[in-house]
Amino acid sequence: WSAHPLLAVTAGDRIVLPSFVEGVRIDSSRNRRLPGENASWPRAGDYDLSIVPERSAGTADKLFAGPLGKRACGLYRTAQQAGLLFCSSPGNPIRYTGLWLCYGGWPEDEAGTGAAQYVAIEPTTSPYDSLDQAVAHGTALHVNAHSDESLGMQVKFFNGPLERFIERCNSER
């Protein structure tokens, strides 16, 4: 299970993960910009993955962070000094977060319209998009016959300076 909210972004906006996150799993990276299976967070080589670049960057990366426990993650709109926090619902911690970072790299430029510039912060039960991979790595959510599983998230709006937004991501429960 995964939520898939696509959020419009502009250069300078920030993706904030809890401070204990030091690395992410690379699911895909256009033109292998991020080589290998894992990358450091927030800096991966020459790239600060937490800062949205210009659309002309032409990149598209799918990453996974976690497990996050009960901490929040979010998108901070720098020019507006406001953001969205993605939090676990009480009693249902979000295990992982997928990050779809698309800065002009997908879809391909069609008819001169320019490729998209957006971020998706995707609270999810597994750090894999593929059910086969989630099963193989033991992270697939299993629901027994005639039973149910409750998953939930809260989206909270935030106004204020970036430093307070970062504090909220680290303290939200």
Protein backbone atom coordinates (compact mmCIF):
# COMPACT_ATOMS: atom_id res chain seq x y z
CA TRP A 1 0.00 0.00 0.00
CA SER A 2 1.19 3.50 -0.79
CA ALA A 3 -0.29 6.97 -0.96
CA HIS A 4 0.81 8.89 -4.06
CA PRO A 5 0.27 12.63 -3.59
CA LEU A 6 1.97 14.59 -6.38
CA LEU A 7 3.03 18.00 -5.14
CA ALA A 8 4.01 20.93 -7.33
CA VAL A 9 7.45 22.27 -6.42
CA THR A 10 9.80 25.07 -7.36
CA ALA A 11 13.56 25.33 -7.12
CA GLY A 12 14.67 25.82 -3.52
CA ASP A 13 11.82 23.87 -1.90
CA ARG A 14 12.96 21.26 0.63
CA ILE A 15 12.21 17.60 1.26
CA VAL A 16 12.58 16.91 4.97
CA LEU A 17 13.08 13.46 6.48
CA PRO A 18 13.71 12.72 10.17
CA SER A 19 17.29 13.57 11.11
CA PHE A 20 18.21 9.93 11.84
CA VAL A 21 17.75 9.06 8.13
CA GLU A 22 21.26 8.84 6.70
CA GLY A 23 20.55 6.90 3.54
CA VAL A 24 17.91 5.92 1.00
CA ARG A 25 17.35 2.90 -1.22
CA ILE A 26 17.46 3.75 -4.94
CA ASP A 27 14.58 2.14 -6.82
CA SER A 28 15.29 3.98 -10.07
CA SER A 29 17.34 6.92 -11.27
CA ARG A 30 17.03 8.40 -14.76
CA ASN A 31 20.24 7.87 -16.72
CA ARG A 32 21.73 6.30 -13.55
CA ARG A 33 22.38 9.75 -12.08
CA LEU A 34 22.45 7.99 -8.71
CA PRO A 35 24.40 4.76 -9.27
CA GLY A 36 24.08 1.65 -7.15
CA GLU A 37 21.37 0.45 -4.80
CA ASN A 38 21.73 3.01 -1.98
CA ALA A 39 22.64 6.66 -1.57
CA SER A 40 23.50 8.86 1.38
CA TRP A 41 20.84 11.32 2.56
CA PRO A 42 20.64 14.22 2.12
CA ARG A 43 23.92 14.48 0.17
CA ALA A 44 24.62 11.86 -2.48
CA GLY A 45 27.92 12.73 -4.12
CA ASP A 46 27.52 16.13 -5.77
CA TYR A 47 23.75 16.26 -5.18
CA ASP A 48 21.78 17.56 -2.22
CA LEU A 49 18.69 15.39 -2.61
CA SER A 50 16.76 17.44 -0.05
CA ILE A 51 16.76 20.64 -2.14
CA VAL A 52 14.60 20.91 -5.27
CA PRO A 53 16.73 22.02 -8.25
CA GLU A 54 15.59 23.86 -11.38
CA ARG A 55 13.34 21.97 -13.82
CA SER A 56 16.24 22.08 -16.29
CA ALA A 57 18.03 19.48 -14.13
CA GLY A 58 16.15 16.86 -16.18
CA THR A 59 16.26 14.25 -13.40
CA ALA A 60 13.80 11.67 -12.10
CA ASP A 61 14.60 9.48 -9.09
CA LYS A 62 12.51 7.04 -7.04
CA LEU A 63 13.93 6.54 -3.56
CA PHE A 64 12.80 4.91 -0.32
CA ALA A 65 13.60 5.89 3.25
CA GLY A 66 12.90 4.05 6.46
CA PRO A 67 11.75 2.49 8.55
CA LEU A 68 10.58 5.80 9.98
CA GLY A 69 8.71 4.62 13.06
CA LYS A 70 6.32 7.33 14.16
CA ARG A 71 8.29 10.26 12.78
CA ALA A 72 6.99 12.58 10.08
CA CYS A 73 8.44 13.68 6.77
CA GLY A 74 7.41 16.53 4.56
CA LEU A 75 7.73 19.09 1.83
CA TYR A 76 8.62 22.65 2.80
CA ARG A 77 7.80 25.43 0.32
CA THR A 78 10.65 27.85 0.93
CA ALA A 79 9.17 30.97 -0.70
CA GLN A 80 5.91 30.57 1.22
CA GLN A 81 7.57 29.48 4.50
CA ALA A 82 4.96 26.75 4.73
CA GLY A 83 4.85 23.01 4.33
CA LEU A 84 2.99 19.73 4.50
CA LEU A 85 3.83 17.13 7.13
CA PHE A 86 3.01 13.49 6.39
CA CYS A 87 2.46 11.74 9.72
CA SER A 88 1.36 8.33 10.94
CA SER A 89 -2.17 8.02 12.20
CA PRO A 90 -2.30 7.12 15.91
CA GLY A 91 -1.58 3.43 16.37
CA ASN A 92 -0.57 2.92 12.72
CA PRO A 93 3.04 3.94 12.16
CA ILE A 94 4.03 4.53 8.56
CA ARG A 95 6.86 2.14 7.96
CA TYR A 96 8.59 3.77 4.99
CA THR A 97 8.38 6.75 2.68
CA GLY A 98 8.83 6.62 -1.05
CA LEU A 99 10.20 9.75 -2.69
CA TRP A 100 9.43 10.36 -6.37
CA LEU A 101 11.67 13.33 -7.22
CA CYS A 102 10.91 14.52 -10.73
CA TYR A 103 12.70 17.64 -11.85
CA GLY A 104 12.01 17.87 -15.56
CA GLY A 105 13.14 14.28 -16.18
CA TRP A 106 9.81 12.56 -16.78
CA PRO A 107 7.62 12.29 -18.71
CA GLU A 108 9.72 13.04 -21.75
CA ASP A 109 9.18 16.50 -23.21
CA GLU A 110 6.19 16.15 -25.51
CA ALA A 111 5.30 18.78 -28.11
CA GLY A 112 7.54 21.37 -26.46
CA THR A 113 5.44 21.54 -23.30
CA GLY A 114 8.33 20.75 -20.97
CA ALA A 115 8.53 17.82 -18.59
CA ALA A 116 6.96 17.87 -15.14
CA GLN A 117 8.44 19.40 -11.99
CA TYR A 118 7.01 17.69 -8.91
CA VAL A 119 7.69 15.62 -5.81
CA ALA A 120 5.63 12.75 -4.46
CA ILE A 121 6.07 11.91 -0.79
CA GLU A 122 4.58 8.44 -0.52
CA PRO A 123 3.97 6.95 2.92
CA THR A 124 4.09 3.20 2.33
CA THR A 125 4.22 -0.21 3.97
CA SER A 126 7.33 -1.38 2.07
CA PRO A 127 10.45 0.14 0.50
CA TYR A 128 9.63 -1.54 -2.84
CA ASP A 129 7.15 -0.63 -5.57
CA SER A 130 6.98 -4.24 -6.69
CA LEU A 131 4.97 -6.73 -4.61
CA ASP A 132 7.36 -9.48 -5.74
CA GLN A 133 10.32 -7.55 -4.32
CA ALA A 134 8.45 -6.72 -1.10
CA VAL A 135 7.66 -10.42 -0.58
CA ALA A 136 11.24 -11.45 -1.40
CA HIS A 137 12.62 -8.96 1.16
CA GLY A 138 10.04 -9.73 3.85
CA THR A 139 8.42 -6.29 3.85
CA ALA A 140 5.11 -7.11 2.18
CA LEU A 141 2.07 -6.49 4.34
CA HIS A 142 0.16 -9.72 4.85
CA VAL A 143 -3.56 -9.66 5.57
CA ASN A 144 -5.11 -12.97 6.62
CA ALA A 145 -8.35 -14.21 5.07
CA HIS A 146 -11.48 -12.67 6.62
CA SER A 147 -9.45 -10.01 8.42
CA ASP A 148 -8.47 -6.43 7.77
CA GLU A 149 -5.54 -4.13 8.30
CA SER A 150 -5.86 -0.48 9.17
CA LEU A 151 -3.39 1.90 7.57
CA GLY A 152 -3.57 5.59 7.79
CA MET A 153 -1.76 8.84 7.57
CA GLN A 154 -2.39 12.39 8.53
CA VAL A 155 -1.41 15.41 6.47
CA LYS A 156 -0.76 18.49 8.56
CA PHE A 157 -0.29 22.01 7.29
CA PHE A 158 2.58 24.04 8.71
CA ASN A 159 3.42 27.77 8.63
CA GLY A 160 6.72 29.05 9.93
CA PRO A 161 10.48 28.89 9.49
CA LEU A 162 12.29 25.86 8.07
CA GLU A 163 14.03 25.14 11.40
CA ARG A 164 10.67 24.63 13.15
CA PHE A 165 9.44 22.45 10.27
CA ILE A 166 12.51 20.22 10.67
CA GLU A 167 11.84 20.03 14.43
CA ARG A 168 8.25 18.93 13.73
CA CYS A 169 9.41 16.14 11.41
CA ASN A 170 11.67 14.86 14.18
CA SER A 171 9.15 15.14 17.02
CA GLU A 172 5.80 14.38 15.40
CA ARG A 173 4.18 11.23 16.79
